[in-house]
Amino acid sequence: IITLSSVGDYFDDIKKTDEFISKLLLKVGVNRRPNPWDRENLNVWKTWNFSDEMILEAGKLACGKSSPIAYMNGILSNWKKF
């Protein structure tokens, strides 16, 4: 059974996630709205136990790259190995 409250909580979670992703996109120099691929990447990075600060740090390194989100994924993947 789905309650109105649980639906509201779901959308609140998406809003918070999208706000963080928007901040990240600005940091890497991408001017667009968050999309499902961004949410999926963020979820993966969180399951790798990266904090928001570490993700933003990878964003700094990816700024100016032709595919900054993919570049970030590579950075975080390498960091995960250590």
PDB file of N, CA and C in Angstrom:
ATOM      1  N   ILE A   1       0.850  -1.180   0.000  1.00  0.00           N
ATOM      2  CA  ILE A   1       0.000   0.000   0.000  1.00  0.00           C
ATOM      3  C   ILE A   1       0.887   1.231   0.000  1.00  0.00           C
ATOM      4  N   ILE A   2       0.577   2.148  -0.858  1.00  0.00           N
ATOM      5  CA  ILE A   2       1.316   3.404  -0.957  1.00  0.00           C
ATOM      6  C   ILE A   2       0.498   4.491  -0.293  1.00  0.00           C
ATOM      7  N   THR A   3       1.167   5.236   0.562  1.00  0.00           N
ATOM      8  CA  THR A   3       0.478   6.336   1.237  1.00  0.00           C
ATOM      9  C   THR A   3       0.874   7.656   0.594  1.00  0.00           C
ATOM     10  N   LEU A   4       0.059   8.643   0.810  1.00  0.00           N
ATOM     11  CA  LEU A   4       0.356   9.982   0.307  1.00  0.00           C
ATOM     12  C   LEU A   4       1.659  10.490   0.912  1.00  0.00           C
ATOM     13  N   SER A   5       1.884  10.160   2.165  1.00  0.00           N
ATOM     14  CA  SER A   5       3.103  10.578   2.852  1.00  0.00           C
ATOM     15  C   SER A   5       4.346   9.957   2.206  1.00  0.00           C
ATOM     16  N   SER A   6       4.279   8.668   1.858  1.00  0.00           N
ATOM     17  CA  SER A   6       5.431   8.010   1.247  1.00  0.00           C
ATOM     18  C   SER A   6       5.714   8.572  -0.147  1.00  0.00           C
ATOM     19  N   VAL A   7       4.681   8.940  -0.865  1.00  0.00           N
ATOM     20  CA  VAL A   7       4.862   9.564  -2.174  1.00  0.00           C
ATOM     21  C   VAL A   7       5.540  10.919  -1.999  1.00  0.00           C
ATOM     22  N   GLY A   8       5.095  11.672  -1.009  1.00  0.00           N
ATOM     23  CA  GLY A   8       5.713  12.970  -0.712  1.00  0.00           C
ATOM     24  C   GLY A   8       7.171  12.813  -0.330  1.00  0.00           C
ATOM     25  N   ASP A   9       7.480  11.810   0.491  1.00  0.00           N
ATOM     26  CA  ASP A   9       8.869  11.549   0.883  1.00  0.00           C
ATOM     27  C   ASP A   9       9.730  11.197  -0.324  1.00  0.00           C
ATOM     28  N   TYR A  10       9.180  10.403  -1.232  1.00  0.00           N
ATOM     29  CA  TYR A  10       9.890  10.017  -2.447  1.00  0.00           C
ATOM     30  C   TYR A  10      10.264  11.250  -3.262  1.00  0.00           C
ATOM     31  N   PHE A  11       9.308  12.142  -3.466  1.00  0.00           N
ATOM     32  CA  PHE A  11       9.584  13.344  -4.254  1.00  0.00           C
ATOM     33  C   PHE A  11      10.517  14.302  -3.527  1.00  0.00           C
ATOM     34  N   ASP A  12      10.466  14.335  -2.202  1.00  0.00           N
ATOM     35  CA  ASP A  12      11.413  15.146  -1.433  1.00  0.00           C
ATOM     36  C   ASP A  12      12.833  14.620  -1.619  1.00  0.00           C
ATOM     37  N   ASP A  13      12.985  13.300  -1.608  1.00  0.00           N
ATOM     38  CA  ASP A  13      14.301  12.696  -1.822  1.00  0.00           C
ATOM     39  C   ASP A  13      14.842  13.026  -3.212  1.00  0.00           C
ATOM     40  N   ILE A  14      13.990  12.930  -4.215  1.00  0.00           N
ATOM     41  CA  ILE A  14      14.411  13.261  -5.580  1.00  0.00           C
ATOM     42  C   ILE A  14      14.804  14.736  -5.662  1.00  0.00           C
ATOM     43  N   LYS A  15      14.048  15.602  -5.010  1.00  0.00           N
ATOM     44  CA  LYS A  15      14.362  17.032  -5.032  1.00  0.00           C
ATOM     45  C   LYS A  15      15.729  17.294  -4.409  1.00  0.00           C
ATOM     46  N   LYS A  16      16.020  16.665  -3.265  1.00  0.00           N
ATOM     47  CA  LYS A  16      17.323  16.854  -2.616  1.00  0.00           C
ATOM     48  C   LYS A  16      18.452  16.308  -3.488  1.00  0.00           C
ATOM     49  N   THR A  17      18.219  15.159  -4.087  1.00  0.00           N
ATOM     50  CA  THR A  17      19.217  14.574  -4.976  1.00  0.00           C
ATOM     51  C   THR A  17      19.475  15.485  -6.166  1.00  0.00           C
ATOM     52  N   ASP A  18      18.408  15.978  -6.770  1.00  0.00           N
ATOM     53  CA  ASP A  18      18.554  16.857  -7.935  1.00  0.00           C
ATOM     54  C   ASP A  18      19.233  18.174  -7.571  1.00  0.00           C
ATOM     55  N   GLU A  19      19.004  18.679  -6.372  1.00  0.00           N
ATOM     56  CA  GLU A  19      19.682  19.903  -5.940  1.00  0.00           C
ATOM     57  C   GLU A  19      21.189  19.663  -5.848  1.00  0.00           C
ATOM     58  N   PHE A  20      21.584  18.514  -5.299  1.00  0.00           N
ATOM     59  CA  PHE A  20      23.006  18.199  -5.228  1.00  0.00           C
ATOM     60  C   PHE A  20      23.589  18.013  -6.625  1.00  0.00           C
ATOM     61  N   ILE A  21      22.886  17.300  -7.477  1.00  0.00           N
ATOM     62  CA  ILE A  21      23.372  17.078  -8.839  1.00  0.00           C
ATOM     63  C   ILE A  21      23.494  18.407  -9.584  1.00  0.00           C
ATOM     64  N   SER A  22      22.550  19.310  -9.390  1.00  0.00           N
ATOM     65  CA  SER A  22      22.622  20.628 -10.029  1.00  0.00           C
ATOM     66  C   SER A  22      23.878  21.368  -9.585  1.00  0.00           C
ATOM     67  N   LYS A  23      24.175  21.296  -8.303  1.00  0.00           N
ATOM     68  CA  LYS A  23      25.391  21.909  -7.767  1.00  0.00           C
ATOM     69  C   LYS A  23      26.625  21.275  -8.412  1.00  0.00           C
ATOM     70  N   LEU A  24      26.618  19.969  -8.542  1.00  0.00           N
ATOM     71  CA  LEU A  24      27.724  19.243  -9.154  1.00  0.00           C
ATOM     72  C   LEU A  24      27.883  19.608 -10.627  1.00  0.00           C
ATOM     73  N   LEU A  25      26.770  19.680 -11.343  1.00  0.00           N
ATOM     74  CA  LEU A  25      26.826  20.034 -12.768  1.00  0.00           C
ATOM     75  C   LEU A  25      27.412  21.426 -12.957  1.00  0.00           C
ATOM     76  N   LEU A  26      27.037  22.356 -12.098  1.00  0.00           N
ATOM     77  CA  LEU A  26      27.618  23.696 -12.174  1.00  0.00           C
ATOM     78  C   LEU A  26      29.116  23.654 -11.940  1.00  0.00           C
ATOM     79  N   LYS A  27      29.539  22.843 -10.984  1.00  0.00           N
ATOM     80  CA  LYS A  27      30.967  22.732 -10.661  1.00  0.00           C
ATOM     81  C   LYS A  27      31.776  22.203 -11.835  1.00  0.00           C
ATOM     82  N   VAL A  28      31.202  21.286 -12.601  1.00  0.00           N
ATOM     83  CA  VAL A  28      31.937  20.714 -13.735  1.00  0.00           C
ATOM     84  C   VAL A  28      31.713  21.499 -15.025  1.00  0.00           C
ATOM     85  N   GLY A  29      30.901  22.540 -14.975  1.00  0.00           N
ATOM     86  CA  GLY A  29      30.696  23.390 -16.135  1.00  0.00           C
ATOM     87  C   GLY A  29      29.649  22.904 -17.113  1.00  0.00           C
ATOM     88  N   VAL A  30      28.699  22.131 -16.626  1.00  0.00           N
ATOM     89  CA  VAL A  30      27.625  21.622 -17.488  1.00  0.00           C
ATOM     90  C   VAL A  30      26.344  22.376 -17.151  1.00  0.00           C
ATOM     91  N   ASN A  31      25.723  22.940 -18.170  1.00  0.00           N
ATOM     92  CA  ASN A  31      24.524  23.734 -17.973  1.00  0.00           C
ATOM     93  C   ASN A  31      23.300  22.971 -18.482  1.00  0.00           C
ATOM     94  N   ARG A  32      22.793  22.107 -17.626  1.00  0.00           N
ATOM     95  CA  ARG A  32      21.574  21.364 -17.955  1.00  0.00           C
ATOM     96  C   ARG A  32      20.944  20.879 -16.659  1.00  0.00           C
ATOM     97  N   ARG A  33      19.741  20.344 -16.797  1.00  0.00           N
ATOM     98  CA  ARG A  33      19.028  19.809 -15.634  1.00  0.00           C
ATOM     99  C   ARG A  33      19.493  18.381 -15.341  1.00  0.00           C
ATOM    100  N   PRO A  34      19.396  17.967 -14.087  1.00  0.00           N
ATOM    101  CA  PRO A  34      19.722  16.565 -13.761  1.00  0.00           C
ATOM    102  C   PRO A  34      18.802  15.609 -14.518  1.00  0.00           C
ATOM    103  N   ASN A  35      19.354  14.469 -14.886  1.00  0.00           N
ATOM    104  CA  ASN A  35      18.573  13.466 -15.596  1.00  0.00           C
ATOM    105  C   ASN A  35      18.739  12.108 -14.915  1.00  0.00           C
ATOM    106  N   PRO A  36      18.019  11.097 -15.362  1.00  0.00           N
ATOM    107  CA  PRO A  36      18.113   9.773 -14.714  1.00  0.00           C
ATOM    108  C   PRO A  36      19.530   9.191 -14.698  1.00  0.00           C
ATOM    109  N   TRP A  37      20.311   9.447 -15.738  1.00  0.00           N
ATOM    110  CA  TRP A  37      21.693   8.961 -15.783  1.00  0.00           C
ATOM    111  C   TRP A  37      22.519   9.585 -14.666  1.00  0.00           C
ATOM    112  N   ASP A  38      22.308  10.884 -14.418  1.00  0.00           N
ATOM    113  CA  ASP A  38      23.006  11.556 -13.322  1.00  0.00           C
ATOM    114  C   ASP A  38      22.618  10.934 -11.980  1.00  0.00           C
ATOM    115  N   ARG A  39      21.337  10.680 -11.800  1.00  0.00           N
ATOM    116  CA  ARG A  39      20.861  10.082 -10.546  1.00  0.00           C
ATOM    117  C   ARG A  39      21.446   8.684 -10.358  1.00  0.00           C
ATOM    118  N   GLU A  40      21.526   7.927 -11.453  1.00  0.00           N
ATOM    119  CA  GLU A  40      22.089   6.582 -11.379  1.00  0.00           C
ATOM    120  C   GLU A  40      23.574   6.637 -11.008  1.00  0.00           C
ATOM    121  N   ASN A  41      24.311   7.537 -11.652  1.00  0.00           N
ATOM    122  CA  ASN A  41      25.731   7.694 -11.318  1.00  0.00           C
ATOM    123  C   ASN A  41      25.914   8.073  -9.860  1.00  0.00           C
ATOM    124  N   LEU A  42      25.146   9.037  -9.391  1.00  0.00           N
ATOM    125  CA  LEU A  42      25.259   9.462  -7.998  1.00  0.00           C
ATOM    126  C   LEU A  42      24.964   8.305  -7.055  1.00  0.00           C
ATOM    127  N   ASN A  43      23.961   7.523  -7.381  1.00  0.00           N
ATOM    128  CA  ASN A  43      23.627   6.366  -6.549  1.00  0.00           C
ATOM    129  C   ASN A  43      24.787   5.370  -6.490  1.00  0.00           C
ATOM    130  N   VAL A  44      25.420   5.128  -7.628  1.00  0.00           N
ATOM    131  CA  VAL A  44      26.572   4.218  -7.666  1.00  0.00           C
ATOM    132  C   VAL A  44      27.700   4.779  -6.801  1.00  0.00           C
ATOM    133  N   TRP A  45      28.001   6.071  -6.964  1.00  0.00           N
ATOM    134  CA  TRP A  45      29.094   6.672  -6.201  1.00  0.00           C
ATOM    135  C   TRP A  45      28.825   6.615  -4.698  1.00  0.00           C
ATOM    136  N   LYS A  46      27.561   6.773  -4.331  1.00  0.00           N
ATOM    137  CA  LYS A  46      27.192   6.683  -2.913  1.00  0.00           C
ATOM    138  C   LYS A  46      27.348   5.240  -2.418  1.00  0.00           C
ATOM    139  N   THR A  47      27.015   4.255  -3.261  1.00  0.00           N
ATOM    140  CA  THR A  47      27.185   2.864  -2.834  1.00  0.00           C
ATOM    141  C   THR A  47      28.670   2.514  -2.711  1.00  0.00           C
ATOM    142  N   TRP A  48      29.537   3.288  -3.366  1.00  0.00           N
ATOM    143  CA  TRP A  48      30.979   3.122  -3.223  1.00  0.00           C
ATOM    144  C   TRP A  48      31.483   3.845  -1.964  1.00  0.00           C
ATOM    145  N   ASN A  49      30.550   4.393  -1.191  1.00  0.00           N
ATOM    146  CA  ASN A  49      30.826   5.084   0.076  1.00  0.00           C
ATOM    147  C   ASN A  49      31.560   6.408  -0.079  1.00  0.00           C
ATOM    148  N   PHE A  50      31.336   7.104  -1.194  1.00  0.00           N
ATOM    149  CA  PHE A  50      31.898   8.441  -1.342  1.00  0.00           C
ATOM    150  C   PHE A  50      30.949   9.466  -0.737  1.00  0.00           C
ATOM    151  N   SER A  51      31.523  10.395   0.005  1.00  0.00           N
ATOM    152  CA  SER A  51      30.748  11.481   0.592  1.00  0.00           C
ATOM    153  C   SER A  51      30.465  12.532  -0.480  1.00  0.00           C
ATOM    154  N   ASP A  52      29.548  13.430  -0.170  1.00  0.00           N
ATOM    155  CA  ASP A  52      29.263  14.532  -1.090  1.00  0.00           C
ATOM    156  C   ASP A  52      30.532  15.339  -1.365  1.00  0.00           C
ATOM    157  N   GLU A  53      31.344  15.531  -0.336  1.00  0.00           N
ATOM    158  CA  GLU A  53      32.570  16.315  -0.483  1.00  0.00           C
ATOM    159  C   GLU A  53      33.551  15.648  -1.452  1.00  0.00           C
ATOM    160  N   MET A  54      33.681  14.332  -1.363  1.00  0.00           N
ATOM    161  CA  MET A  54      34.578  13.619  -2.274  1.00  0.00           C
ATOM    162  C   MET A  54      34.050  13.671  -3.709  1.00  0.00           C
ATOM    163  N   ILE A  55      32.757  13.563  -3.859  1.00  0.00           N
ATOM    164  CA  ILE A  55      32.152  13.636  -5.192  1.00  0.00           C
ATOM    165  C   ILE A  55      32.372  15.025  -5.778  1.00  0.00           C
ATOM    166  N   LEU A  56      32.204  16.061  -4.969  1.00  0.00           N
ATOM    167  CA  LEU A  56      32.446  17.424  -5.446  1.00  0.00           C
ATOM    168  C   LEU A  56      33.925  17.637  -5.782  1.00  0.00           C
ATOM    169  N   GLU A  57      34.815  17.019  -5.021  1.00  0.00           N
ATOM    170  CA  GLU A  57      36.254  17.117  -5.311  1.00  0.00           C
ATOM    171  C   GLU A  57      36.564  16.484  -6.662  1.00  0.00           C
ATOM    172  N   ALA A  58      35.969  15.344  -6.948  1.00  0.00           N
ATOM    173  CA  ALA A  58      36.139  14.721  -8.269  1.00  0.00           C
ATOM    174  C   ALA A  58      35.579  15.644  -9.346  1.00  0.00           C
ATOM    175  N   GLY A  59      34.487  16.352  -9.016  1.00  0.00           N
ATOM    176  CA  GLY A  59      33.918  17.315  -9.951  1.00  0.00           C
ATOM    177  C   GLY A  59      34.884  18.430 -10.289  1.00  0.00           C
ATOM    178  N   LYS A  60      35.625  18.904  -9.298  1.00  0.00           N
ATOM    179  CA  LYS A  60      36.637  19.941  -9.552  1.00  0.00           C
ATOM    180  C   LYS A  60      37.659  19.455 -10.569  1.00  0.00           C
ATOM    181  N   LEU A  61      38.076  18.200 -10.424  1.00  0.00           N
ATOM    182  CA  LEU A  61      39.078  17.638 -11.332  1.00  0.00           C
ATOM    183  C   LEU A  61      38.520  17.407 -12.737  1.00  0.00           C
ATOM    184  N   ALA A  62      37.221  17.205 -12.833  1.00  0.00           N
ATOM    185  CA  ALA A  62      36.586  16.917 -14.122  1.00  0.00           C
ATOM    186  C   ALA A  62      36.180  18.180 -14.874  1.00  0.00           C
ATOM    187  N   CYS A  63      36.234  19.314 -14.195  1.00  0.00           N
ATOM    188  CA  CYS A  63      35.812  20.572 -14.824  1.00  0.00           C
ATOM    189  C   CYS A  63      36.621  20.832 -16.091  1.00  0.00           C
ATOM    190  N   GLY A  64      35.920  21.142 -17.155  1.00  0.00           N
ATOM    191  CA  GLY A  64      36.563  21.460 -18.420  1.00  0.00           C
ATOM    192  C   GLY A  64      36.798  20.272 -19.334  1.00  0.00           C
ATOM    193  N   LYS A  65      36.557  19.077 -18.841  1.00  0.00           N
ATOM    194  CA  LYS A  65      36.722  17.895 -19.694  1.00  0.00           C
ATOM    195  C   LYS A  65      35.538  17.798 -20.656  1.00  0.00           C
ATOM    196  N   SER A  66      35.721  17.102 -21.767  1.00  0.00           N
ATOM    197  CA  SER A  66      34.657  17.023 -22.764  1.00  0.00           C
ATOM    198  C   SER A  66      33.446  16.235 -22.261  1.00  0.00           C
ATOM    199  N   SER A  67      33.660  15.246 -21.416  1.00  0.00           N
ATOM    200  CA  SER A  67      32.572  14.468 -20.803  1.00  0.00           C
ATOM    201  C   SER A  67      32.838  14.401 -19.302  1.00  0.00           C
ATOM    202  N   PRO A  68      32.538  15.499 -18.588  1.00  0.00           N
ATOM    203  CA  PRO A  68      32.952  15.567 -17.183  1.00  0.00           C
ATOM    204  C   PRO A  68      32.334  14.518 -16.269  1.00  0.00           C
ATOM    205  N   ILE A  69      31.098  14.128 -16.504  1.00  0.00           N
ATOM    206  CA  ILE A  69      30.482  13.129 -15.627  1.00  0.00           C
ATOM    207  C   ILE A  69      31.150  11.772 -15.837  1.00  0.00           C
ATOM    208  N   ALA A  70      31.397  11.405 -17.072  1.00  0.00           N
ATOM    209  CA  ALA A  70      32.108  10.154 -17.350  1.00  0.00           C
ATOM    210  C   ALA A  70      33.530  10.216 -16.788  1.00  0.00           C
ATOM    211  N   TYR A  71      34.160  11.371 -16.894  1.00  0.00           N
ATOM    212  CA  TYR A  71      35.502  11.559 -16.347  1.00  0.00           C
ATOM    213  C   TYR A  71      35.477  11.384 -14.829  1.00  0.00           C
ATOM    214  N   MET A  72      34.463  11.974 -14.193  1.00  0.00           N
ATOM    215  CA  MET A  72      34.297  11.819 -12.747  1.00  0.00           C
ATOM    216  C   MET A  72      34.134  10.355 -12.373  1.00  0.00           C
ATOM    217  N   ASN A  73      33.364   9.641 -13.149  1.00  0.00           N
ATOM    218  CA  ASN A  73      33.159   8.218 -12.884  1.00  0.00           C
ATOM    219  C   ASN A  73      34.498   7.480 -12.902  1.00  0.00           C
ATOM    220  N   GLY A  74      35.347   7.832 -13.848  1.00  0.00           N
ATOM    221  CA  GLY A  74      36.675   7.236 -13.906  1.00  0.00           C
ATOM    222  C   GLY A  74      37.521   7.585 -12.692  1.00  0.00           C
ATOM    223  N   ILE A  75      37.488   8.850 -12.288  1.00  0.00           N
ATOM    224  CA  ILE A  75      38.233   9.288 -11.102  1.00  0.00           C
ATOM    225  C   ILE A  75      37.765   8.516  -9.874  1.00  0.00           C
ATOM    226  N   LEU A  76      36.461   8.517  -9.662  1.00  0.00           N
ATOM    227  CA  LEU A  76      35.921   7.857  -8.468  1.00  0.00           C
ATOM    228  C   LEU A  76      36.159   6.348  -8.511  1.00  0.00           C
ATOM    229  N   SER A  77      36.099   5.776  -9.682  1.00  0.00           N
ATOM    230  CA  SER A  77      36.392   4.350  -9.830  1.00  0.00           C
ATOM    231  C   SER A  77      37.830   4.054  -9.417  1.00  0.00           C
ATOM    232  N   ASN A  78      38.756   4.910  -9.850  1.00  0.00           N
ATOM    233  CA  ASN A  78      40.164   4.741  -9.458  1.00  0.00           C
ATOM    234  C   ASN A  78      40.335   4.933  -7.957  1.00  0.00           C
ATOM    235  N   TRP A  79      39.685   5.940  -7.395  1.00  0.00           N
ATOM    236  CA  TRP A  79      39.786   6.174  -5.950  1.00  0.00           C
ATOM    237  C   TRP A  79      39.232   5.003  -5.156  1.00  0.00           C
ATOM    238  N   LYS A  80      38.201   4.381  -5.713  1.00  0.00           N
ATOM    239  CA  LYS A  80      37.558   3.255  -5.032  1.00  0.00           C
ATOM    240  C   LYS A  80      38.550   2.098  -4.842  1.00  0.00           C
ATOM    241  N   LYS A  81      39.492   1.963  -5.748  1.00  0.00           N
ATOM    242  CA  LYS A  81      40.452   0.869  -5.688  1.00  0.00           C
ATOM    243  C   LYS A  81      41.406   0.998  -4.491  1.00  0.00           C
ATOM    244  N   PHE A  82      41.522   2.211  -3.941  1.00  0.00           N
ATOM    245  CA  PHE A  82      42.473   2.432  -2.843  1.00  0.00           C
ATOM    246  C   PHE A  82      41.832   2.322  -1.515  1.00  0.00           C
TER     247      PHE A  82
END
